[in-house]
Amino acid sequence: MIDLLAFAIATEAGRPATPEAIEQSRQAAQTALSDHAFRYLHNSIDQIRREAAAEQLAKLPRPPGFGAVLLANLVALAIAGVLAGWLALHPATLAGLAGLLAG
């Protein structure tokens, strides 16, 4: 395989068939094949990573929608409002909590 690629490189460059030119062509062919193998391996790994990430994302549950988040916020505001109203109607409890926080 390397010899065929070296022949193609030498022919394309128009080099004479000297031993030095043949060795240079073989080295260029070896470098080209190594670079190609590395790129192919890198691209294969990248494709496998993308497929694995897509598979993991498919397994995750769907996030809550806009309506669910809005409802949760409204419930939280209602609970906070009820708690604030109860504390406003019971000043002794509020004073006790303030005393506890003051130390």
Protein backbone atom coordinates (compact mmCIF):
# COMPACT_ATOMS: atom_id res chain seq x y z
CA MET A 1 0.00 0.00 0.00
CA ILE A 2 2.79 2.39 0.91
CA ASP A 3 4.68 1.55 -2.28
CA LEU A 4 1.62 2.24 -4.44
CA LEU A 5 1.04 5.56 -2.74
CA ALA A 6 4.76 6.39 -3.01
CA PHE A 7 4.63 5.63 -6.74
CA ALA A 8 1.58 7.88 -7.12
CA ILE A 9 3.26 10.70 -5.18
CA ALA A 10 6.46 10.37 -7.23
CA THR A 11 4.56 10.26 -10.52
CA GLU A 12 2.42 13.25 -9.60
CA ALA A 13 5.49 15.25 -8.59
CA GLY A 14 7.38 14.18 -11.73
CA ARG A 15 10.40 12.98 -9.74
CA PRO A 16 13.05 10.81 -11.37
CA ALA A 17 13.43 7.22 -10.17
CA THR A 18 16.53 7.75 -8.05
CA PRO A 19 16.97 5.92 -4.74
CA GLU A 20 16.75 9.20 -2.82
CA ALA A 21 13.54 10.23 -4.59
CA ILE A 22 12.04 6.79 -4.00
CA GLU A 23 12.85 7.00 -0.28
CA GLN A 24 11.41 10.51 -0.08
CA SER A 25 8.26 9.29 -1.81
CA ARG A 26 7.98 6.38 0.62
CA GLN A 27 8.39 8.71 3.59
CA ALA A 28 5.78 11.07 2.16
CA ALA A 29 3.44 8.12 1.60
CA GLN A 30 3.99 6.87 5.16
CA THR A 31 3.28 10.35 6.52
CA ALA A 32 0.15 10.71 4.39
CA LEU A 33 -1.17 7.31 5.47
CA SER A 34 -0.44 8.06 9.13
CA ASP A 35 -2.21 11.41 8.89
CA HIS A 36 -5.18 9.79 7.18
CA ALA A 37 -5.38 7.03 9.79
CA PHE A 38 -5.24 9.57 12.60
CA ARG A 39 -7.99 11.73 11.03
CA TYR A 40 -10.15 8.66 10.41
CA LEU A 41 -9.71 7.48 14.01
CA HIS A 42 -10.41 10.97 15.36
CA ASN A 43 -13.57 11.32 13.26
CA SER A 44 -14.74 7.84 14.29
CA ILE A 45 -14.25 8.64 17.97
CA ASP A 46 -16.05 11.95 17.51
CA GLN A 47 -19.00 10.19 15.84
CA ILE A 48 -19.15 7.59 18.63
CA ARG A 49 -19.12 10.37 21.26
CA ARG A 50 -21.95 12.21 19.48
CA GLU A 51 -24.04 9.03 19.30
CA ALA A 52 -23.40 8.27 22.98
CA ALA A 53 -24.34 11.82 24.00
CA ALA A 54 -27.54 11.66 21.95
CA GLU A 55 -28.40 8.30 23.52
CA GLN A 56 -27.87 9.69 27.03
CA LEU A 57 -29.96 12.77 26.26
CA ALA A 58 -32.75 10.54 25.00
CA LYS A 59 -32.79 8.72 28.35
CA LEU A 60 -33.21 11.91 30.40
CA PRO A 61 -36.73 12.85 31.48
CA ARG A 62 -38.33 15.83 29.82
CA PRO A 63 -37.95 19.08 31.76
CA PRO A 64 -41.11 20.69 33.13
CA GLY A 65 -42.98 22.87 30.71
CA PHE A 66 -43.86 26.53 31.02
CA GLY A 67 -47.23 25.81 32.61
CA ALA A 68 -45.75 23.57 35.32
CA VAL A 69 -43.10 26.15 36.22
CA LEU A 70 -45.70 28.92 36.30
CA LEU A 71 -47.99 26.86 38.54
CA ALA A 72 -45.11 26.02 40.91
CA ASN A 73 -44.24 29.72 41.23
CA LEU A 74 -47.85 30.66 41.91
CA VAL A 75 -48.13 27.97 44.61
CA ALA A 76 -44.89 29.20 46.20
CA LEU A 77 -46.19 32.79 46.19
CA ALA A 78 -49.49 31.65 47.74
CA ILE A 79 -47.67 29.77 50.51
CA ALA A 80 -45.44 32.79 51.20
CA GLY A 81 -48.52 35.04 51.25
CA VAL A 82 -50.36 32.78 53.70
CA LEU A 83 -47.29 32.63 55.96
CA ALA A 84 -46.86 36.42 55.84
CA GLY A 85 -50.55 36.95 56.61
CA TRP A 86 -50.45 34.55 59.55
CA LEU A 87 -47.38 36.28 60.98
CA ALA A 88 -49.10 39.66 60.53
CA LEU A 89 -52.11 38.40 62.51
CA HIS A 90 -49.94 36.93 65.29
CA PRO A 91 -47.43 39.61 66.35
CA ALA A 92 -46.34 37.60 69.41
CA THR A 93 -44.99 34.84 67.17
CA LEU A 94 -43.18 37.40 65.04
CA ALA A 95 -41.64 38.97 68.17
CA GLY A 96 -40.59 35.53 69.41
CA LEU A 97 -38.92 34.74 66.09
CA ALA A 98 -37.16 38.10 66.13
CA GLY A 99 -35.92 37.37 69.66
CA LEU A 100 -34.58 33.98 68.56
CA LEU A 101 -32.77 35.49 65.60
CA ALA A 102 -31.29 38.29 67.73
CA GLY A 103 -29.60 35.69 69.87
